[in-house]
Amino acid sequence: YELLEGLTEPDSIYALPQASAKIIG
């Protein structure tokens, strides 16, 4: 996903450690 979207924002919720699909949802 990070490759696909080109995510570079260090404050993205996807930078959250130990995240899961449930929490991201």
mmCIF file of all heavy atoms, coordinates in Angstrom:
data_MODEL
# 
_entry.id   MODEL 
# 
loop_
_atom_site.group_PDB 
_atom_site.id 
_atom_site.type_symbol 
_atom_site.label_atom_id 
_atom_site.label_alt_id 
_atom_site.label_comp_id 
_atom_site.label_asym_id 
_atom_site.label_entity_id 
_atom_site.label_seq_id 
_atom_site.pdbx_PDB_ins_code 
_atom_site.Cartn_x 
_atom_site.Cartn_y 
_atom_site.Cartn_z 
_atom_site.occupancy 
_atom_site.B_iso_or_equiv 
_atom_site.pdbx_formal_charge 
_atom_site.auth_seq_id 
_atom_site.auth_comp_id 
_atom_site.auth_asym_id 
_atom_site.auth_atom_id 
_atom_site.pdbx_PDB_model_num 
ATOM 1   N N   . TYR A 1 1  ? 0.833   -1.211 0.000  1.00 0.00 ? 1  TYR A N   1 
ATOM 2   C CA  . TYR A 1 1  ? 0.000   0.000  0.000  1.00 0.00 ? 1  TYR A CA  1 
ATOM 3   C C   . TYR A 1 1  ? 0.866   1.259  0.000  1.00 0.00 ? 1  TYR A C   1 
ATOM 4   O O   . TYR A 1 1  ? 0.560   2.232  -0.704 1.00 0.00 ? 1  TYR A O   1 
ATOM 5   C CB  . TYR A 1 1  ? -0.907  -0.030 1.228  1.00 0.00 ? 1  TYR A CB  1 
ATOM 6   C CG  . TYR A 1 1  ? -1.833  1.159  1.361  1.00 0.00 ? 1  TYR A CG  1 
ATOM 7   C CD1 . TYR A 1 1  ? -2.913  1.324  0.500  1.00 0.00 ? 1  TYR A CD1 1 
ATOM 8   C CD2 . TYR A 1 1  ? -1.627  2.108  2.362  1.00 0.00 ? 1  TYR A CD2 1 
ATOM 9   C CE1 . TYR A 1 1  ? -3.765  2.413  0.621  1.00 0.00 ? 1  TYR A CE1 1 
ATOM 10  C CE2 . TYR A 1 1  ? -2.481  3.197  2.493  1.00 0.00 ? 1  TYR A CE2 1 
ATOM 11  C CZ  . TYR A 1 1  ? -3.548  3.339  1.627  1.00 0.00 ? 1  TYR A CZ  1 
ATOM 12  O OH  . TYR A 1 1  ? -4.390  4.420  1.751  1.00 0.00 ? 1  TYR A OH  1 
ATOM 13  N N   . GLU A 1 2  ? 1.938   1.242  0.772  1.00 0.00 ? 2  GLU A N   1 
ATOM 14  C CA  . GLU A 1 2  ? 2.818   2.404  0.825  1.00 0.00 ? 2  GLU A CA  1 
ATOM 15  C C   . GLU A 1 2  ? 3.491   2.643  -0.524 1.00 0.00 ? 2  GLU A C   1 
ATOM 16  O O   . GLU A 1 2  ? 3.680   3.785  -0.939 1.00 0.00 ? 2  GLU A O   1 
ATOM 17  C CB  . GLU A 1 2  ? 3.854   2.218  1.933  1.00 0.00 ? 2  GLU A CB  1 
ATOM 18  C CG  . GLU A 1 2  ? 3.243   2.308  3.330  1.00 0.00 ? 2  GLU A CG  1 
ATOM 19  C CD  . GLU A 1 2  ? 4.219   1.974  4.437  1.00 0.00 ? 2  GLU A CD  1 
ATOM 20  O OE1 . GLU A 1 2  ? 5.270   1.368  4.121  1.00 0.00 ? 2  GLU A OE1 1 
ATOM 21  O OE2 . GLU A 1 2  ? 3.928   2.284  5.601  1.00 0.00 ? 2  GLU A OE2 1 
ATOM 22  N N   . LEU A 1 3  ? 3.841   1.572  -1.228 1.00 0.00 ? 3  LEU A N   1 
ATOM 23  C CA  . LEU A 1 3  ? 4.396   1.712  -2.574 1.00 0.00 ? 3  LEU A CA  1 
ATOM 24  C C   . LEU A 1 3  ? 3.330   2.241  -3.537 1.00 0.00 ? 3  LEU A C   1 
ATOM 25  O O   . LEU A 1 3  ? 3.594   3.119  -4.362 1.00 0.00 ? 3  LEU A O   1 
ATOM 26  C CB  . LEU A 1 3  ? 4.911   0.359  -3.080 1.00 0.00 ? 3  LEU A CB  1 
ATOM 27  C CG  . LEU A 1 3  ? 6.168   -0.209 -2.419 1.00 0.00 ? 3  LEU A CG  1 
ATOM 28  C CD1 . LEU A 1 3  ? 6.433   -1.620 -2.922 1.00 0.00 ? 3  LEU A CD1 1 
ATOM 29  C CD2 . LEU A 1 3  ? 7.373   0.673  -2.696 1.00 0.00 ? 3  LEU A CD2 1 
ATOM 30  N N   . LEU A 1 4  ? 2.139   1.707  -3.398 1.00 0.00 ? 4  LEU A N   1 
ATOM 31  C CA  . LEU A 1 4  ? 1.043   2.057  -4.295 1.00 0.00 ? 4  LEU A CA  1 
ATOM 32  C C   . LEU A 1 4  ? 0.642   3.516  -4.155 1.00 0.00 ? 4  LEU A C   1 
ATOM 33  O O   . LEU A 1 4  ? 0.441   4.227  -5.144 1.00 0.00 ? 4  LEU A O   1 
ATOM 34  C CB  . LEU A 1 4  ? -0.157  1.146  -4.001 1.00 0.00 ? 4  LEU A CB  1 
ATOM 35  C CG  . LEU A 1 4  ? -1.404  1.304  -4.861 1.00 0.00 ? 4  LEU A CG  1 
ATOM 36  C CD1 . LEU A 1 4  ? -1.119  0.879  -6.292 1.00 0.00 ? 4  LEU A CD1 1 
ATOM 37  C CD2 . LEU A 1 4  ? -2.540  0.470  -4.284 1.00 0.00 ? 4  LEU A CD2 1 
ATOM 38  N N   . GLU A 1 5  ? 0.539   3.963  -2.913 1.00 0.00 ? 5  GLU A N   1 
ATOM 39  C CA  . GLU A 1 5  ? 0.061   5.316  -2.640 1.00 0.00 ? 5  GLU A CA  1 
ATOM 40  C C   . GLU A 1 5  ? 1.193   6.338  -2.529 1.00 0.00 ? 5  GLU A C   1 
ATOM 41  O O   . GLU A 1 5  ? 0.924   7.537  -2.437 1.00 0.00 ? 5  GLU A O   1 
ATOM 42  C CB  . GLU A 1 5  ? -0.752  5.318  -1.331 1.00 0.00 ? 5  GLU A CB  1 
ATOM 43  C CG  . GLU A 1 5  ? -2.005  4.460  -1.391 1.00 0.00 ? 5  GLU A CG  1 
ATOM 44  C CD  . GLU A 1 5  ? -3.015  4.987  -2.393 1.00 0.00 ? 5  GLU A CD  1 
ATOM 45  O OE1 . GLU A 1 5  ? -3.299  6.198  -2.382 1.00 0.00 ? 5  GLU A OE1 1 
ATOM 46  O OE2 . GLU A 1 5  ? -3.528  4.180  -3.200 1.00 0.00 ? 5  GLU A OE2 1 
ATOM 47  N N   . GLY A 1 6  ? 2.433   5.851  -2.517 1.00 0.00 ? 6  GLY A N   1 
ATOM 48  C CA  . GLY A 1 6  ? 3.556   6.770  -2.377 1.00 0.00 ? 6  GLY A CA  1 
ATOM 49  C C   . GLY A 1 6  ? 3.538   7.521  -1.070 1.00 0.00 ? 6  GLY A C   1 
ATOM 50  O O   . GLY A 1 6  ? 3.826   8.718  -1.006 1.00 0.00 ? 6  GLY A O   1 
ATOM 51  N N   . LEU A 1 7  ? 3.186   6.828  0.009  1.00 0.00 ? 7  LEU A N   1 
ATOM 52  C CA  . LEU A 1 7  ? 3.061   7.476  1.314  1.00 0.00 ? 7  LEU A CA  1 
ATOM 53  C C   . LEU A 1 7  ? 4.422   7.960  1.807  1.00 0.00 ? 7  LEU A C   1 
ATOM 54  O O   . LEU A 1 7  ? 5.371   7.187  1.904  1.00 0.00 ? 7  LEU A O   1 
ATOM 55  C CB  . LEU A 1 7  ? 2.462   6.502  2.328  1.00 0.00 ? 7  LEU A CB  1 
ATOM 56  C CG  . LEU A 1 7  ? 1.001   6.100  2.103  1.00 0.00 ? 7  LEU A CG  1 
ATOM 57  C CD1 . LEU A 1 7  ? 0.561   5.156  3.209  1.00 0.00 ? 7  LEU A CD1 1 
ATOM 58  C CD2 . LEU A 1 7  ? 0.105   7.316  2.074  1.00 0.00 ? 7  LEU A CD2 1 
ATOM 59  N N   . THR A 1 8  ? 4.507   9.223  2.112  1.00 0.00 ? 8  THR A N   1 
ATOM 60  C CA  . THR A 1 8  ? 5.733   9.786  2.679  1.00 0.00 ? 8  THR A CA  1 
ATOM 61  C C   . THR A 1 8  ? 5.460   10.551 3.970  1.00 0.00 ? 8  THR A C   1 
ATOM 62  O O   . THR A 1 8  ? 6.388   10.945 4.658  1.00 0.00 ? 8  THR A O   1 
ATOM 63  C CB  . THR A 1 8  ? 6.399   10.747 1.669  1.00 0.00 ? 8  THR A CB  1 
ATOM 64  O OG1 . THR A 1 8  ? 5.458   11.773 1.306  1.00 0.00 ? 8  THR A OG1 1 
ATOM 65  C CG2 . THR A 1 8  ? 6.839   10.001 0.417  1.00 0.00 ? 8  THR A CG2 1 
ATOM 66  N N   . GLU A 1 9  ? 4.173   10.771 4.295  1.00 0.00 ? 9  GLU A N   1 
ATOM 67  C CA  . GLU A 1 9  ? 3.838   11.550 5.477  1.00 0.00 ? 9  GLU A CA  1 
ATOM 68  C C   . GLU A 1 9  ? 4.172   10.770 6.744  1.00 0.00 ? 9  GLU A C   1 
ATOM 69  O O   . GLU A 1 9  ? 3.581   9.719  6.993  1.00 0.00 ? 9  GLU A O   1 
ATOM 70  C CB  . GLU A 1 9  ? 2.351   11.914 5.495  1.00 0.00 ? 9  GLU A CB  1 
ATOM 71  C CG  . GLU A 1 9  ? 1.883   12.705 4.283  1.00 0.00 ? 9  GLU A CG  1 
ATOM 72  C CD  . GLU A 1 9  ? 1.525   11.820 3.112  1.00 0.00 ? 9  GLU A CD  1 
ATOM 73  O OE1 . GLU A 1 9  ? 1.778   10.600 3.204  1.00 0.00 ? 9  GLU A OE1 1 
ATOM 74  O OE2 . GLU A 1 9  ? 1.017   12.333 2.109  1.00 0.00 ? 9  GLU A OE2 1 
ATOM 75  N N   . PRO A 1 10 ? 5.117   11.257 7.548  1.00 0.00 ? 10 PRO A N   1 
ATOM 76  C CA  . PRO A 1 10 ? 5.490   10.525 8.762  1.00 0.00 ? 10 PRO A CA  1 
ATOM 77  C C   . PRO A 1 10 ? 4.406   10.555 9.830  1.00 0.00 ? 10 PRO A C   1 
ATOM 78  O O   . PRO A 1 10 ? 4.490   9.804  10.804 1.00 0.00 ? 10 PRO A O   1 
ATOM 79  C CB  . PRO A 1 10 ? 6.750   11.252 9.234  1.00 0.00 ? 10 PRO A CB  1 
ATOM 80  C CG  . PRO A 1 10 ? 6.623   12.631 8.676  1.00 0.00 ? 10 PRO A CG  1 
ATOM 81  C CD  . PRO A 1 10 ? 5.923   12.488 7.366  1.00 0.00 ? 10 PRO A CD  1 
ATOM 82  N N   . ASP A 1 11 ? 3.396   11.443 9.677  1.00 0.00 ? 11 ASP A N   1 
ATOM 83  C CA  . ASP A 1 11 ? 2.339   11.524 10.686 1.00 0.00 ? 11 ASP A CA  1 
ATOM 84  C C   . ASP A 1 11 ? 1.067   10.804 10.247 1.00 0.00 ? 11 ASP A C   1 
ATOM 85  O O   . ASP A 1 11 ? 0.020   10.985 10.840 1.00 0.00 ? 11 ASP A O   1 
ATOM 86  C CB  . ASP A 1 11 ? 2.020   12.979 11.001 1.00 0.00 ? 11 ASP A CB  1 
ATOM 87  C CG  . ASP A 1 11 ? 1.456   13.728 9.795  1.00 0.00 ? 11 ASP A CG  1 
ATOM 88  O OD1 . ASP A 1 11 ? 1.647   13.246 8.660  1.00 0.00 ? 11 ASP A OD1 1 
ATOM 89  O OD2 . ASP A 1 11 ? 0.827   14.786 9.993  1.00 0.00 ? 11 ASP A OD2 1 
ATOM 90  N N   . SER A 1 12 ? 1.168   9.967  9.212  1.00 0.00 ? 12 SER A N   1 
ATOM 91  C CA  . SER A 1 12 ? 0.012   9.202  8.753  1.00 0.00 ? 12 SER A CA  1 
ATOM 92  C C   . SER A 1 12 ? -0.399  8.177  9.810  1.00 0.00 ? 12 SER A C   1 
ATOM 93  O O   . SER A 1 12 ? 0.438   7.658  10.554 1.00 0.00 ? 12 SER A O   1 
ATOM 94  C CB  . SER A 1 12 ? 0.360   8.487  7.448  1.00 0.00 ? 12 SER A CB  1 
ATOM 95  O OG  . SER A 1 12 ? -0.545  7.436  7.180  1.00 0.00 ? 12 SER A OG  1 
ATOM 96  N N   . ILE A 1 13 ? -1.680  7.859  9.869  1.00 0.00 ? 13 ILE A N   1 
ATOM 97  C CA  . ILE A 1 13 ? -2.139  6.828  10.810 1.00 0.00 ? 13 ILE A CA  1 
ATOM 98  C C   . ILE A 1 13 ? -1.521  5.471  10.478 1.00 0.00 ? 13 ILE A C   1 
ATOM 99  O O   . ILE A 1 13 ? -1.447  4.593  11.338 1.00 0.00 ? 13 ILE A O   1 
ATOM 100 C CB  . ILE A 1 13 ? -3.683  6.699  10.821 1.00 0.00 ? 13 ILE A CB  1 
ATOM 101 C CG1 . ILE A 1 13 ? -4.223  6.385  9.422  1.00 0.00 ? 13 ILE A CG1 1 
ATOM 102 C CG2 . ILE A 1 13 ? -4.333  7.943  11.390 1.00 0.00 ? 13 ILE A CG2 1 
ATOM 103 C CD1 . ILE A 1 13 ? -5.710  6.069  9.405  1.00 0.00 ? 13 ILE A CD1 1 
ATOM 104 N N   . TYR A 1 14 ? -1.041  5.318  9.240  1.00 0.00 ? 14 TYR A N   1 
ATOM 105 C CA  . TYR A 1 14 ? -0.441  4.039  8.855  1.00 0.00 ? 14 TYR A CA  1 
ATOM 106 C C   . TYR A 1 14 ? 0.961   3.881  9.437  1.00 0.00 ? 14 TYR A C   1 
ATOM 107 O O   . TYR A 1 14 ? 1.553   2.806  9.326  1.00 0.00 ? 14 TYR A O   1 
ATOM 108 C CB  . TYR A 1 14 ? -0.422  3.914  7.328  1.00 0.00 ? 14 TYR A CB  1 
ATOM 109 C CG  . TYR A 1 14 ? -1.788  4.163  6.722  1.00 0.00 ? 14 TYR A CG  1 
ATOM 110 C CD1 . TYR A 1 14 ? -2.032  5.280  5.931  1.00 0.00 ? 14 TYR A CD1 1 
ATOM 111 C CD2 . TYR A 1 14 ? -2.846  3.298  6.995  1.00 0.00 ? 14 TYR A CD2 1 
ATOM 112 C CE1 . TYR A 1 14 ? -3.294  5.524  5.410  1.00 0.00 ? 14 TYR A CE1 1 
ATOM 113 C CE2 . TYR A 1 14 ? -4.108  3.535  6.469  1.00 0.00 ? 14 TYR A CE2 1 
ATOM 114 C CZ  . TYR A 1 14 ? -4.331  4.657  5.683  1.00 0.00 ? 14 TYR A CZ  1 
ATOM 115 O OH  . TYR A 1 14 ? -5.582  4.891  5.176  1.00 0.00 ? 14 TYR A OH  1 
ATOM 116 N N   . ALA A 1 15 ? 1.482   4.954  10.056 1.00 0.00 ? 15 ALA A N   1 
ATOM 117 C CA  . ALA A 1 15 ? 2.765   4.862  10.762 1.00 0.00 ? 15 ALA A CA  1 
ATOM 118 C C   . ALA A 1 15 ? 2.576   4.343  12.185 1.00 0.00 ? 15 ALA A C   1 
ATOM 119 O O   . ALA A 1 15 ? 3.556   4.134  12.906 1.00 0.00 ? 15 ALA A O   1 
ATOM 120 C CB  . ALA A 1 15 ? 3.448   6.225  10.791 1.00 0.00 ? 15 ALA A CB  1 
ATOM 121 N N   . LEU A 1 16 ? 1.350   4.148  12.604 1.00 0.00 ? 16 LEU A N   1 
ATOM 122 C CA  . LEU A 1 16 ? 1.060   3.680  13.960 1.00 0.00 ? 16 LEU A CA  1 
ATOM 123 C C   . LEU A 1 16 ? 1.645   2.285  14.164 1.00 0.00 ? 16 LEU A C   1 
ATOM 124 O O   . LEU A 1 16 ? 1.353   1.363  13.395 1.00 0.00 ? 16 LEU A O   1 
ATOM 125 C CB  . LEU A 1 16 ? -0.456  3.645  14.170 1.00 0.00 ? 16 LEU A CB  1 
ATOM 126 C CG  . LEU A 1 16 ? -0.982  3.558  15.602 1.00 0.00 ? 16 LEU A CG  1 
ATOM 127 C CD1 . LEU A 1 16 ? -0.625  4.812  16.382 1.00 0.00 ? 16 LEU A CD1 1 
ATOM 128 C CD2 . LEU A 1 16 ? -2.495  3.347  15.582 1.00 0.00 ? 16 LEU A CD2 1 
ATOM 129 N N   . PRO A 1 17 ? 2.483   2.069  15.169 1.00 0.00 ? 17 PRO A N   1 
ATOM 130 C CA  . PRO A 1 17 ? 3.087   0.751  15.375 1.00 0.00 ? 17 PRO A CA  1 
ATOM 131 C C   . PRO A 1 17 ? 2.052   -0.269 15.840 1.00 0.00 ? 17 PRO A C   1 
ATOM 132 O O   . PRO A 1 17 ? 1.050   0.068  16.467 1.00 0.00 ? 17 PRO A O   1 
ATOM 133 C CB  . PRO A 1 17 ? 4.129   1.012  16.470 1.00 0.00 ? 17 PRO A CB  1 
ATOM 134 C CG  . PRO A 1 17 ? 3.602   2.185  17.224 1.00 0.00 ? 17 PRO A CG  1 
ATOM 135 C CD  . PRO A 1 17 ? 2.920   3.049  16.189 1.00 0.00 ? 17 PRO A CD  1 
ATOM 136 N N   . GLN A 1 18 ? 2.301   -1.513 15.500 1.00 0.00 ? 18 GLN A N   1 
ATOM 137 C CA  . GLN A 1 18 ? 1.455   -2.628 15.917 1.00 0.00 ? 18 GLN A CA  1 
ATOM 138 C C   . GLN A 1 18 ? -0.009  -2.409 15.525 1.00 0.00 ? 18 GLN A C   1 
ATOM 139 O O   . GLN A 1 18 ? -0.921  -2.850 16.219 1.00 0.00 ? 18 GLN A O   1 
ATOM 140 C CB  . GLN A 1 18 ? 1.559   -2.853 17.431 1.00 0.00 ? 18 GLN A CB  1 
ATOM 141 C CG  . GLN A 1 18 ? 2.957   -3.186 17.912 1.00 0.00 ? 18 GLN A CG  1 
ATOM 142 C CD  . GLN A 1 18 ? 3.022   -3.398 19.413 1.00 0.00 ? 18 GLN A CD  1 
ATOM 143 O OE1 . GLN A 1 18 ? 2.021   -3.351 20.130 1.00 0.00 ? 18 GLN A OE1 1 
ATOM 144 N NE2 . GLN A 1 18 ? 4.223   -3.621 19.927 1.00 0.00 ? 18 GLN A NE2 1 
ATOM 145 N N   . ALA A 1 19 ? -0.225  -1.732 14.403 1.00 0.00 ? 19 ALA A N   1 
ATOM 146 C CA  . ALA A 1 19 ? -1.601  -1.468 13.969 1.00 0.00 ? 19 ALA A CA  1 
ATOM 147 C C   . ALA A 1 19 ? -2.220  -2.747 13.409 1.00 0.00 ? 19 ALA A C   1 
ATOM 148 O O   . ALA A 1 19 ? -1.545  -3.743 13.157 1.00 0.00 ? 19 ALA A O   1 
ATOM 149 C CB  . ALA A 1 19 ? -1.624  -0.359 12.924 1.00 0.00 ? 19 ALA A CB  1 
ATOM 150 N N   . SER A 1 20 ? -3.522  -2.702 13.214 1.00 0.00 ? 20 SER A N   1 
ATOM 151 C CA  . SER A 1 20 ? -4.264  -3.824 12.648 1.00 0.00 ? 20 SER A CA  1 
ATOM 152 C C   . SER A 1 20 ? -5.317  -3.270 11.715 1.00 0.00 ? 20 SER A C   1 
ATOM 153 O O   . SER A 1 20 ? -5.631  -2.071 11.736 1.00 0.00 ? 20 SER A O   1 
ATOM 154 C CB  . SER A 1 20 ? -4.936  -4.637 13.761 1.00 0.00 ? 20 SER A CB  1 
ATOM 155 O OG  . SER A 1 20 ? -5.922  -3.848 14.422 1.00 0.00 ? 20 SER A OG  1 
ATOM 156 N N   . ALA A 1 21 ? -5.879  -4.136 10.899 1.00 0.00 ? 21 ALA A N   1 
ATOM 157 C CA  . ALA A 1 21 ? -6.947  -3.710 9.986  1.00 0.00 ? 21 ALA A CA  1 
ATOM 158 C C   . ALA A 1 21 ? -8.121  -3.129 10.763 1.00 0.00 ? 21 ALA A C   1 
ATOM 159 O O   . ALA A 1 21 ? -8.745  -2.147 10.342 1.00 0.00 ? 21 ALA A O   1 
ATOM 160 C CB  . ALA A 1 21 ? -7.392  -4.896 9.135  1.00 0.00 ? 21 ALA A CB  1 
ATOM 161 N N   . LYS A 1 22 ? -8.418  -3.704 11.923 1.00 0.00 ? 22 LYS A N   1 
ATOM 162 C CA  . LYS A 1 22 ? -9.555  -3.247 12.728 1.00 0.00 ? 22 LYS A CA  1 
ATOM 163 C C   . LYS A 1 22 ? -9.335  -1.814 13.213 1.00 0.00 ? 22 LYS A C   1 
ATOM 164 O O   . LYS A 1 22 ? -10.222 -0.956 13.085 1.00 0.00 ? 22 LYS A O   1 
ATOM 165 C CB  . LYS A 1 22 ? -9.765  -4.174 13.917 1.00 0.00 ? 22 LYS A CB  1 
ATOM 166 C CG  . LYS A 1 22 ? -10.923 -3.769 14.823 1.00 0.00 ? 22 LYS A CG  1 
ATOM 167 C CD  . LYS A 1 22 ? -11.073 -4.739 15.989 1.00 0.00 ? 22 LYS A CD  1 
ATOM 168 C CE  . LYS A 1 22 ? -12.206 -4.312 16.916 1.00 0.00 ? 22 LYS A CE  1 
ATOM 169 N NZ  . LYS A 1 22 ? -12.345 -5.244 18.077 1.00 0.00 ? 22 LYS A NZ  1 
ATOM 170 N N   . ILE A 1 23 ? -8.166  -1.529 13.768 1.00 0.00 ? 23 ILE A N   1 
ATOM 171 C CA  . ILE A 1 23 ? -7.887  -0.188 14.290 1.00 0.00 ? 23 ILE A CA  1 
ATOM 172 C C   . ILE A 1 23 ? -7.872  0.839  13.158 1.00 0.00 ? 23 ILE A C   1 
ATOM 173 O O   . ILE A 1 23 ? -8.438  1.934  13.282 1.00 0.00 ? 23 ILE A O   1 
ATOM 174 C CB  . ILE A 1 23 ? -6.552  -0.183 15.050 1.00 0.00 ? 23 ILE A CB  1 
ATOM 175 C CG1 . ILE A 1 23 ? -6.701  -0.923 16.383 1.00 0.00 ? 23 ILE A CG1 1 
ATOM 176 C CG2 . ILE A 1 23 ? -6.069  1.242  15.300 1.00 0.00 ? 23 ILE A CG2 1 
ATOM 177 C CD1 . ILE A 1 23 ? -5.417  -1.048 17.164 1.00 0.00 ? 23 ILE A CD1 1 
ATOM 178 N N   . ILE A 1 24 ? -7.239  0.476  12.045 1.00 0.00 ? 24 ILE A N   1 
ATOM 179 C CA  . ILE A 1 24 ? -7.200  1.399  10.906 1.00 0.00 ? 24 ILE A CA  1 
ATOM 180 C C   . ILE A 1 24 ? -8.612  1.684  10.410 1.00 0.00 ? 24 ILE A C   1 
ATOM 181 O O   . ILE A 1 24 ? -8.953  2.837  10.082 1.00 0.00 ? 24 ILE A O   1 
ATOM 182 C CB  . ILE A 1 24 ? -6.327  0.824  9.780  1.00 0.00 ? 24 ILE A CB  1 
ATOM 183 C CG1 . ILE A 1 24 ? -4.855  0.787  10.209 1.00 0.00 ? 24 ILE A CG1 1 
ATOM 184 C CG2 . ILE A 1 24 ? -6.484  1.643  8.501  1.00 0.00 ? 24 ILE A CG2 1 
ATOM 185 C CD1 . ILE A 1 24 ? -4.266  2.138  10.546 1.00 0.00 ? 24 ILE A CD1 1 
ATOM 186 N N   . GLY A 1 25 ? -9.467  0.663  10.378 1.00 0.00 ? 25 GLY A N   1 
ATOM 187 C CA  . GLY A 1 25 ? -10.851 0.865  9.963  1.00 0.00 ? 25 GLY A CA  1 
ATOM 188 C C   . GLY A 1 25 ? -11.587 1.819  10.891 1.00 0.00 ? 25 GLY A C   1 
ATOM 189 O O   . GLY A 1 25 ? -12.348 2.691  10.439 1.00 0.00 ? 25 GLY A O   1 
# 
